[in-house]
Protein backbone atom coordinates (compact mmCIF):
# COMPACT_ATOMS: atom_id res chain seq x y z
CA UNK A 1 0.00 0.00 0.00
CA UNK A 2 2.81 2.37 0.80
CA UNK A 3 4.42 1.83 -2.58
CA UNK A 4 1.16 2.59 -4.40
CA UNK A 5 -0.41 5.31 -2.22
CA UNK A 6 2.58 6.80 -0.42
CA UNK A 7 2.69 7.75 3.23
CA UNK A 8 4.91 6.39 5.95
CA UNK A 9 4.74 3.16 7.96
CA UNK A 10 5.68 3.19 11.64
CA UNK A 11 6.29 0.19 13.86
CA UNK A 12 6.17 -2.60 14.70
CA UNK A 13 4.45 -1.79 17.97
CA UNK A 14 3.48 -4.33 20.63
CA UNK A 15 0.54 -3.78 22.94
CA UNK A 16 -1.67 -6.21 24.86
CA UNK A 17 -0.06 -9.19 23.15
CA UNK A 18 -0.55 -8.01 19.60
CA UNK A 19 1.87 -6.57 17.08
CA UNK A 20 0.83 -3.87 14.65
CA UNK A 21 2.09 -1.16 12.33
CA UNK A 22 0.78 2.36 11.85
CA UNK A 23 0.39 3.70 8.32
CA UNK A 24 0.08 7.48 7.98
CA UNK A 25 -1.00 9.39 4.90
CA UNK A 26 -0.74 13.17 4.81
CA UNK A 27 -0.95 15.95 2.24
CA UNK A 28 -1.31 15.01 -1.41
CA UNK A 29 -0.99 11.28 -0.74
CA UNK A 30 -3.94 11.46 1.65
CA UNK A 31 -6.11 13.56 -0.64
CA UNK A 32 -5.36 11.39 -3.65
CA UNK A 33 -6.22 8.17 -1.79
CA UNK A 34 -9.52 9.33 -0.25
CA UNK A 35 -11.63 8.40 -3.29
CA UNK A 36 -10.18 4.88 -3.24
CA UNK A 37 -11.24 4.37 0.37
CA UNK A 38 -14.60 6.01 -0.26
CA UNK A 39 -15.36 3.58 -3.08
CA UNK A 40 -14.07 0.41 -1.45
CA UNK A 41 -14.85 0.51 2.26
CA UNK A 42 -17.72 -1.88 2.99
CA UNK A 43 -20.65 -0.91 5.20
CA UNK A 44 -19.22 -1.00 8.70
CA UNK A 45 -18.54 1.09 11.77
CA UNK A 46 -15.15 2.08 10.31
CA UNK A 47 -16.85 3.28 7.10
CA UNK A 48 -19.25 5.38 9.21
CA UNK A 49 -16.25 6.89 11.01
CA UNK A 50 -14.54 7.58 7.69
CA UNK A 51 -17.63 9.31 6.26
CA UNK A 52 -18.05 11.41 9.44
CA UNK A 53 -14.40 12.46 9.25
CA UNK A 54 -14.70 13.37 5.56
CA UNK A 55 -17.86 15.37 6.17
CA UNK A 56 -16.16 17.30 8.95
CA UNK A 57 -12.84 18.03 7.25
CA UNK A 58 -13.45 17.71 3.55
CA UNK A 59 -16.63 18.66 1.70
CA UNK A 60 -17.97 16.12 -0.81
CA UNK A 61 -17.35 18.45 -3.77
CA UNK A 62 -13.62 18.29 -3.11
CA UNK A 63 -13.82 14.50 -2.81
CA UNK A 64 -15.34 14.30 -6.29
CA UNK A 65 -12.51 16.47 -7.65
CA UNK A 66 -9.94 14.24 -5.92
CA UNK A 67 -11.60 11.13 -7.37
CA UNK A 68 -11.18 12.58 -10.86
CA UNK A 69 -7.55 13.52 -10.12
CA UNK A 70 -6.77 10.04 -8.74
CA UNK A 71 -8.36 8.42 -11.79
CA UNK A 72 -6.40 10.68 -14.16
CA UNK A 73 -3.12 9.91 -12.36
CA UNK A 74 -3.68 6.15 -12.56
CA UNK A 75 -4.34 6.47 -16.31
CA UNK A 76 -1.02 8.24 -16.93
CA UNK A 77 1.16 5.77 -14.96
PDB file of N, CA and C in Angstrom:
ATOM      1  N   UNK A   1       0.828  -1.189   0.000  1.00  0.00           N
ATOM      2  CA  UNK A   1       0.000   0.000   0.000  1.00  0.00           C
ATOM      3  C   UNK A   1       0.867   1.245   0.000  1.00  0.00           C
ATOM      4  N   UNK A   2       1.947   1.197   0.742  1.00  0.00           N
ATOM      5  CA  UNK A   2       2.807   2.371   0.799  1.00  0.00           C
ATOM      6  C   UNK A   2       3.415   2.663  -0.567  1.00  0.00           C
ATOM      7  N   UNK A   3       3.816   1.619  -1.268  1.00  0.00           N
ATOM      8  CA  UNK A   3       4.424   1.832  -2.582  1.00  0.00           C
ATOM      9  C   UNK A   3       3.437   2.462  -3.559  1.00  0.00           C
ATOM     10  N   UNK A   4       2.168   2.093  -3.473  1.00  0.00           N
ATOM     11  CA  UNK A   4       1.160   2.591  -4.401  1.00  0.00           C
ATOM     12  C   UNK A   4       0.609   3.953  -3.972  1.00  0.00           C
ATOM     13  N   UNK A   5       0.263   4.099  -2.686  1.00  0.00           N
ATOM     14  CA  UNK A   5      -0.414   5.307  -2.219  1.00  0.00           C
ATOM     15  C   UNK A   5       0.493   6.313  -1.520  1.00  0.00           C
ATOM     16  N   UNK A   6       1.678   5.892  -1.121  1.00  0.00           N
ATOM     17  CA  UNK A   6       2.579   6.796  -0.416  1.00  0.00           C
ATOM     18  C   UNK A   6       2.419   6.691   1.085  1.00  0.00           C
ATOM     19  N   UNK A   7       2.798   7.737   1.780  1.00  0.00           N
ATOM     20  CA  UNK A   7       2.686   7.748   3.227  1.00  0.00           C
ATOM     21  C   UNK A   7       3.906   7.140   3.883  1.00  0.00           C
ATOM     22  N   UNK A   8       3.802   6.931   5.180  1.00  0.00           N
ATOM     23  CA  UNK A   8       4.906   6.389   5.952  1.00  0.00           C
ATOM     24  C   UNK A   8       4.366   5.327   6.904  1.00  0.00           C
ATOM     25  N   UNK A   9       5.130   4.249   7.068  1.00  0.00           N
ATOM     26  CA  UNK A   9       4.740   3.165   7.961  1.00  0.00           C
ATOM     27  C   UNK A   9       5.628   3.218   9.198  1.00  0.00           C
ATOM     28  N   UNK A  10       4.987   3.175  10.361  1.00  0.00           N
ATOM     29  CA  UNK A  10       5.682   3.189  11.639  1.00  0.00           C
ATOM     30  C   UNK A  10       5.465   1.853  12.335  1.00  0.00           C
ATOM     31  N   UNK A  11       6.443   1.403  13.083  1.00  0.00           N
ATOM     32  CA  UNK A  11       6.287   0.187  13.860  1.00  0.00           C
ATOM     33  C   UNK A  11       7.405  -0.777  13.565  1.00  0.00           C
ATOM     34  N   UNK A  12       7.322  -1.990  14.055  1.00  0.00           N
ATOM     35  CA  UNK A  12       6.166  -2.597  14.703  1.00  0.00           C
ATOM     36  C   UNK A  12       6.018  -2.141  16.160  1.00  0.00           C
ATOM     37  N   UNK A  13       4.782  -2.097  16.590  1.00  0.00           N
ATOM     38  CA  UNK A  13       4.449  -1.793  17.970  1.00  0.00           C
ATOM     39  C   UNK A  13       3.871  -3.051  18.599  1.00  0.00           C
ATOM     40  N   UNK A  14       4.053  -3.193  19.900  1.00  0.00           N
ATOM     41  CA  UNK A  14       3.482  -4.330  20.629  1.00  0.00           C
ATOM     42  C   UNK A  14       2.667  -3.783  21.790  1.00  0.00           C
ATOM     43  N   UNK A  15       1.422  -4.219  21.865  1.00  0.00           N
ATOM     44  CA  UNK A  15       0.541  -3.784  22.940  1.00  0.00           C
ATOM     45  C   UNK A  15      -0.495  -4.866  23.195  1.00  0.00           C
ATOM     46  N   UNK A  16      -0.670  -5.222  24.451  1.00  0.00           N
ATOM     47  CA  UNK A  16      -1.672  -6.214  24.858  1.00  0.00           C
ATOM     48  C   UNK A  16      -1.533  -7.520  24.069  1.00  0.00           C
ATOM     49  N   UNK A  17      -0.289  -7.922  23.820  1.00  0.00           N
ATOM     50  CA  UNK A  17      -0.059  -9.193  23.152  1.00  0.00           C
ATOM     51  C   UNK A  17      -0.228  -9.190  21.648  1.00  0.00           C
ATOM     52  N   UNK A  18      -0.433  -8.047  21.055  1.00  0.00           N
ATOM     53  CA  UNK A  18      -0.553  -8.012  19.596  1.00  0.00           C
ATOM     54  C   UNK A  18       0.490  -7.068  19.005  1.00  0.00           C
ATOM     55  N   UNK A  19       0.891  -7.394  17.800  1.00  0.00           N
ATOM     56  CA  UNK A  19       1.873  -6.566  17.078  1.00  0.00           C
ATOM     57  C   UNK A  19       1.144  -5.857  15.948  1.00  0.00           C
ATOM     58  N   UNK A  20       1.483  -4.597  15.725  1.00  0.00           N
ATOM     59  CA  UNK A  20       0.832  -3.865  14.653  1.00  0.00           C
ATOM     60  C   UNK A  20       1.752  -2.765  14.136  1.00  0.00           C
ATOM     61  N   UNK A  21       1.403  -2.277  12.965  1.00  0.00           N
ATOM     62  CA  UNK A  21       2.091  -1.160  12.333  1.00  0.00           C
ATOM     63  C   UNK A  21       1.102  -0.016  12.187  1.00  0.00           C
ATOM     64  N   UNK A  22       1.615   1.176  12.028  1.00  0.00           N
ATOM     65  CA  UNK A  22       0.784   2.357  11.853  1.00  0.00           C
ATOM     66  C   UNK A  22       1.154   2.972  10.513  1.00  0.00           C
ATOM     67  N   UNK A  23       0.171   3.129   9.647  1.00  0.00           N
ATOM     68  CA  UNK A  23       0.394   3.701   8.319  1.00  0.00           C
ATOM     69  C   UNK A  23      -0.221   5.086   8.315  1.00  0.00           C
ATOM     70  N   UNK A  24       0.545   6.091   7.940  1.00  0.00           N
ATOM     71  CA  UNK A  24       0.077   7.476   7.982  1.00  0.00           C
ATOM     72  C   UNK A  24       0.182   8.115   6.598  1.00  0.00           C
ATOM     73  N   UNK A  25      -0.939   8.628   6.146  1.00  0.00           N
ATOM     74  CA  UNK A  25      -0.996   9.387   4.898  1.00  0.00           C
ATOM     75  C   UNK A  25      -1.247  10.844   5.243  1.00  0.00           C
ATOM     76  N   UNK A  26      -0.525  11.736   4.616  1.00  0.00           N
ATOM     77  CA  UNK A  26      -0.740  13.172   4.811  1.00  0.00           C
ATOM     78  C   UNK A  26      -0.617  13.877   3.465  1.00  0.00           C
ATOM     79  N   UNK A  27      -1.111  15.101   3.415  1.00  0.00           N
ATOM     80  CA  UNK A  27      -0.950  15.946   2.236  1.00  0.00           C
ATOM     81  C   UNK A  27      -1.552  15.347   0.984  1.00  0.00           C
ATOM     82  N   UNK A  28      -0.821  15.463  -0.097  1.00  0.00           N
ATOM     83  CA  UNK A  28      -1.314  15.013  -1.406  1.00  0.00           C
ATOM     84  C   UNK A  28      -1.617  13.512  -1.426  1.00  0.00           C
ATOM     85  N   UNK A  29      -0.760  12.725  -0.775  1.00  0.00           N
ATOM     86  CA  UNK A  29      -0.991  11.278  -0.742  1.00  0.00           C
ATOM     87  C   UNK A  29      -2.338  10.963  -0.093  1.00  0.00           C
ATOM     88  N   UNK A  30      -2.658  11.658   0.975  1.00  0.00           N
ATOM     89  CA  UNK A  30      -3.940  11.458   1.650  1.00  0.00           C
ATOM     90  C   UNK A  30      -5.095  11.865   0.745  1.00  0.00           C
ATOM     91  N   UNK A  31      -5.020  13.053   0.186  1.00  0.00           N
ATOM     92  CA  UNK A  31      -6.114  13.565  -0.640  1.00  0.00           C
ATOM     93  C   UNK A  31      -6.319  12.727  -1.899  1.00  0.00           C
ATOM     94  N   UNK A  32      -5.244  12.211  -2.453  1.00  0.00           N
ATOM     95  CA  UNK A  32      -5.361  11.386  -3.653  1.00  0.00           C
ATOM     96  C   UNK A  32      -5.971  10.022  -3.336  1.00  0.00           C
ATOM     97  N   UNK A  33      -5.713   9.498  -2.138  1.00  0.00           N
ATOM     98  CA  UNK A  33      -6.216   8.165  -1.793  1.00  0.00           C
ATOM     99  C   UNK A  33      -7.643   8.163  -1.247  1.00  0.00           C
ATOM    100  N   UNK A  34      -8.173   9.295  -0.817  1.00  0.00           N
ATOM    101  CA  UNK A  34      -9.523   9.335  -0.246  1.00  0.00           C
ATOM    102  C   UNK A  34     -10.588   8.723  -1.149  1.00  0.00           C
ATOM    103  N   UNK A  35     -10.605   9.012  -2.433  1.00  0.00           N
ATOM    104  CA  UNK A  35     -11.630   8.405  -3.285  1.00  0.00           C
ATOM    105  C   UNK A  35     -11.544   6.875  -3.317  1.00  0.00           C
ATOM    106  N   UNK A  36     -10.340   6.335  -3.231  1.00  0.00           N
ATOM    107  CA  UNK A  36     -10.182   4.884  -3.240  1.00  0.00           C
ATOM    108  C   UNK A  36     -10.832   4.265  -2.007  1.00  0.00           C
ATOM    109  N   UNK A  37     -10.617   4.879  -0.853  1.00  0.00           N
ATOM    110  CA  UNK A  37     -11.238   4.374   0.368  1.00  0.00           C
ATOM    111  C   UNK A  37     -12.746   4.580   0.327  1.00  0.00           C
ATOM    112  N   UNK A  38     -13.170   5.704  -0.183  1.00  0.00           N
ATOM    113  CA  UNK A  38     -14.601   6.008  -0.259  1.00  0.00           C
ATOM    114  C   UNK A  38     -15.340   4.970  -1.102  1.00  0.00           C
ATOM    115  N   UNK A  39     -14.721   4.539  -2.187  1.00  0.00           N
ATOM    116  CA  UNK A  39     -15.359   3.580  -3.083  1.00  0.00           C
ATOM    117  C   UNK A  39     -15.318   2.150  -2.559  1.00  0.00           C
ATOM    118  N   UNK A  40     -14.299   1.809  -1.773  1.00  0.00           N
ATOM    119  CA  UNK A  40     -14.074   0.406  -1.450  1.00  0.00           C
ATOM    120  C   UNK A  40     -14.386  -0.016  -0.024  1.00  0.00           C
ATOM    121  N   UNK A  41     -14.541   0.911   0.888  1.00  0.00           N
ATOM    122  CA  UNK A  41     -14.850   0.508   2.263  1.00  0.00           C
ATOM    123  C   UNK A  41     -16.256  -0.078   2.345  1.00  0.00           C
ATOM    124  N   UNK A  42     -16.385  -1.282   2.879  1.00  0.00           N
ATOM    125  CA  UNK A  42     -17.719  -1.884   2.994  1.00  0.00           C
ATOM    126  C   UNK A  42     -18.519  -1.214   4.113  1.00  0.00           C
ATOM    127  N   UNK A  43     -19.820  -1.443   4.119  1.00  0.00           N
ATOM    128  CA  UNK A  43     -20.648  -0.912   5.203  1.00  0.00           C
ATOM    129  C   UNK A  43     -20.139  -1.475   6.519  1.00  0.00           C
ATOM    130  N   UNK A  44     -19.768  -0.581   7.407  1.00  0.00           N
ATOM    131  CA  UNK A  44     -19.225  -0.997   8.700  1.00  0.00           C
ATOM    132  C   UNK A  44     -19.113   0.231   9.601  1.00  0.00           C
ATOM    133  N   UNK A  45     -18.760  -0.018  10.841  1.00  0.00           N
ATOM    134  CA  UNK A  45     -18.542   1.095  11.770  1.00  0.00           C
ATOM    135  C   UNK A  45     -17.370   1.951  11.303  1.00  0.00           C
ATOM    136  N   UNK A  46     -16.320   1.323  10.797  1.00  0.00           N
ATOM    137  CA  UNK A  46     -15.155   2.076  10.306  1.00  0.00           C
ATOM    138  C   UNK A  46     -15.533   2.952   9.112  1.00  0.00           C
ATOM    139  N   UNK A  47     -16.405   2.458   8.227  1.00  0.00           N
ATOM    140  CA  UNK A  47     -16.849   3.281   7.100  1.00  0.00           C
ATOM    141  C   UNK A  47     -17.630   4.492   7.616  1.00  0.00           C
ATOM    142  N   UNK A  48     -18.499   4.273   8.615  1.00  0.00           N
ATOM    143  CA  UNK A  48     -19.251   5.382   9.205  1.00  0.00           C
ATOM    144  C   UNK A  48     -18.304   6.425   9.793  1.00  0.00           C
ATOM    145  N   UNK A  49     -17.230   5.964  10.457  1.00  0.00           N
ATOM    146  CA  UNK A  49     -16.249   6.890  11.011  1.00  0.00           C
ATOM    147  C   UNK A  49     -15.533   7.653   9.893  1.00  0.00           C
ATOM    148  N   UNK A  50     -15.204   6.956   8.826  1.00  0.00           N
ATOM    149  CA  UNK A  50     -14.538   7.578   7.692  1.00  0.00           C
ATOM    150  C   UNK A  50     -15.417   8.661   7.071  1.00  0.00           C
ATOM    151  N   UNK A  51     -16.695   8.357   6.857  1.00  0.00           N
ATOM    152  CA  UNK A  51     -17.628   9.314   6.260  1.00  0.00           C
ATOM    153  C   UNK A  51     -17.789  10.530   7.179  1.00  0.00           C
ATOM    154  N   UNK A  52     -17.918  10.300   8.488  1.00  0.00           N
ATOM    155  CA  UNK A  52     -18.050  11.410   9.438  1.00  0.00           C
ATOM    156  C   UNK A  52     -16.809  12.292   9.402  1.00  0.00           C
ATOM    157  N   UNK A  53     -15.642  11.687   9.317  1.00  0.00           N
ATOM    158  CA  UNK A  53     -14.398  12.456   9.249  1.00  0.00           C
ATOM    159  C   UNK A  53     -14.345  13.279   7.962  1.00  0.00           C
ATOM    160  N   UNK A  54     -14.718  12.646   6.839  1.00  0.00           N
ATOM    161  CA  UNK A  54     -14.701  13.374   5.565  1.00  0.00           C
ATOM    162  C   UNK A  54     -15.682  14.537   5.583  1.00  0.00           C
ATOM    163  N   UNK A  55     -16.871  14.309   6.126  1.00  0.00           N
ATOM    164  CA  UNK A  55     -17.865  15.374   6.166  1.00  0.00           C
ATOM    165  C   UNK A  55     -17.399  16.542   7.030  1.00  0.00           C
ATOM    166  N   UNK A  56     -16.638  16.245   8.058  1.00  0.00           N
ATOM    167  CA  UNK A  56     -16.161  17.301   8.948  1.00  0.00           C
ATOM    168  C   UNK A  56     -15.001  18.084   8.333  1.00  0.00           C
ATOM    169  N   UNK A  57     -14.072  17.384   7.713  1.00  0.00           N
ATOM    170  CA  UNK A  57     -12.842  18.027   7.253  1.00  0.00           C
ATOM    171  C   UNK A  57     -12.739  18.259   5.758  1.00  0.00           C
ATOM    172  N   UNK A  58     -13.594  17.605   5.000  1.00  0.00           N
ATOM    173  CA  UNK A  58     -13.454  17.712   3.550  1.00  0.00           C
ATOM    174  C   UNK A  58     -14.816  17.602   2.893  1.00  0.00           C
ATOM    175  N   UNK A  59     -15.320  18.695   2.365  1.00  0.00           N
ATOM    176  CA  UNK A  59     -16.629  18.662   1.704  1.00  0.00           C
ATOM    177  C   UNK A  59     -16.640  17.678   0.535  1.00  0.00           C
ATOM    178  N   UNK A  60     -17.802  17.120   0.254  1.00  0.00           N
ATOM    179  CA  UNK A  60     -17.966  16.122  -0.805  1.00  0.00           C
ATOM    180  C   UNK A  60     -17.530  16.630  -2.181  1.00  0.00           C
ATOM    181  N   UNK A  61     -17.732  17.924  -2.455  1.00  0.00           N
ATOM    182  CA  UNK A  61     -17.352  18.455  -3.768  1.00  0.00           C
ATOM    183  C   UNK A  61     -15.856  18.256  -4.000  1.00  0.00           C
ATOM    184  N   UNK A  62     -15.059  18.468  -2.960  1.00  0.00           N
ATOM    185  CA  UNK A  62     -13.618  18.292  -3.109  1.00  0.00           C
ATOM    186  C   UNK A  62     -13.278  16.816  -3.297  1.00  0.00           C
ATOM    187  N   UNK A  63     -14.056  15.931  -2.651  1.00  0.00           N
ATOM    188  CA  UNK A  63     -13.820  14.504  -2.813  1.00  0.00           C
ATOM    189  C   UNK A  63     -14.040  14.105  -4.270  1.00  0.00           C
ATOM    190  N   UNK A  64     -15.082  14.613  -4.887  1.00  0.00           N
ATOM    191  CA  UNK A  64     -15.342  14.301  -6.295  1.00  0.00           C
ATOM    192  C   UNK A  64     -14.184  14.775  -7.165  1.00  0.00           C
ATOM    193  N   UNK A  65     -13.644  15.962  -6.884  1.00  0.00           N
ATOM    194  CA  UNK A  65     -12.510  16.473  -7.651  1.00  0.00           C
ATOM    195  C   UNK A  65     -11.287  15.583  -7.437  1.00  0.00           C
ATOM    196  N   UNK A  66     -11.069  15.121  -6.209  1.00  0.00           N
ATOM    197  CA  UNK A  66      -9.942  14.237  -5.921  1.00  0.00           C
ATOM    198  C   UNK A  66     -10.104  12.908  -6.626  1.00  0.00           C
ATOM    199  N   UNK A  67     -11.338  12.403  -6.690  1.00  0.00           N
ATOM    200  CA  UNK A  67     -11.601  11.133  -7.367  1.00  0.00           C
ATOM    201  C   UNK A  67     -11.203  11.255  -8.837  1.00  0.00           C
ATOM    202  N   UNK A  68     -11.547  12.368  -9.458  1.00  0.00           N
ATOM    203  CA  UNK A  68     -11.181  12.583 -10.855  1.00  0.00           C
ATOM    204  C   UNK A  68      -9.668  12.691 -11.009  1.00  0.00           C
ATOM    205  N   UNK A  69      -9.005  13.383 -10.077  1.00  0.00           N
ATOM    206  CA  UNK A  69      -7.547  13.523 -10.120  1.00  0.00           C
ATOM    207  C   UNK A  69      -6.894  12.163  -9.952  1.00  0.00           C
ATOM    208  N   UNK A  70      -7.351  11.363  -8.983  1.00  0.00           N
ATOM    209  CA  UNK A  70      -6.773  10.042  -8.745  1.00  0.00           C
ATOM    210  C   UNK A  70      -6.950   9.161  -9.976  1.00  0.00           C
ATOM    211  N   UNK A  71      -8.100   9.209 -10.598  1.00  0.00           N
ATOM    212  CA  UNK A  71      -8.355   8.417 -11.792  1.00  0.00           C
ATOM    213  C   UNK A  71      -7.423   8.857 -12.925  1.00  0.00           C
ATOM    214  N   UNK A  72      -7.269  10.167 -13.099  1.00  0.00           N
ATOM    215  CA  UNK A  72      -6.397  10.678 -14.164  1.00  0.00           C
ATOM    216  C   UNK A  72      -4.957  10.271 -13.921  1.00  0.00           C
ATOM    217  N   UNK A  73      -4.506  10.290 -12.661  1.00  0.00           N
ATOM    218  CA  UNK A  73      -3.123   9.911 -12.363  1.00  0.00           C
ATOM    219  C   UNK A  73      -2.885   8.433 -12.610  1.00  0.00           C
ATOM    220  N   UNK A  74      -3.864   7.577 -12.322  1.00  0.00           N
ATOM    221  CA  UNK A  74      -3.677   6.148 -12.564  1.00  0.00           C
ATOM    222  C   UNK A  74      -3.655   5.855 -14.063  1.00  0.00           C
ATOM    223  N   UNK A  75      -4.316   6.671 -14.851  1.00  0.00           N
ATOM    224  CA  UNK A  75      -4.338   6.466 -16.307  1.00  0.00           C
ATOM    225  C   UNK A  75      -3.032   6.861 -16.966  1.00  0.00           C
ATOM    226  N   UNK A  76      -2.270   7.777 -16.337  1.00  0.00           N
ATOM    227  CA  UNK A  76      -1.020   8.237 -16.933  1.00  0.00           C
ATOM    228  C   UNK A  76       0.176   7.414 -16.500  1.00  0.00           C
ATOM    229  N   UNK A  77       0.024   6.573 -15.454  1.00  0.00           N
ATOM    230  CA  UNK A  77       1.156   5.769 -14.962  1.00  0.00           C
ATOM    231  C   UNK A  77       1.430   4.572 -15.840  1.00  0.00           C
TER     232      UNK A  77
END
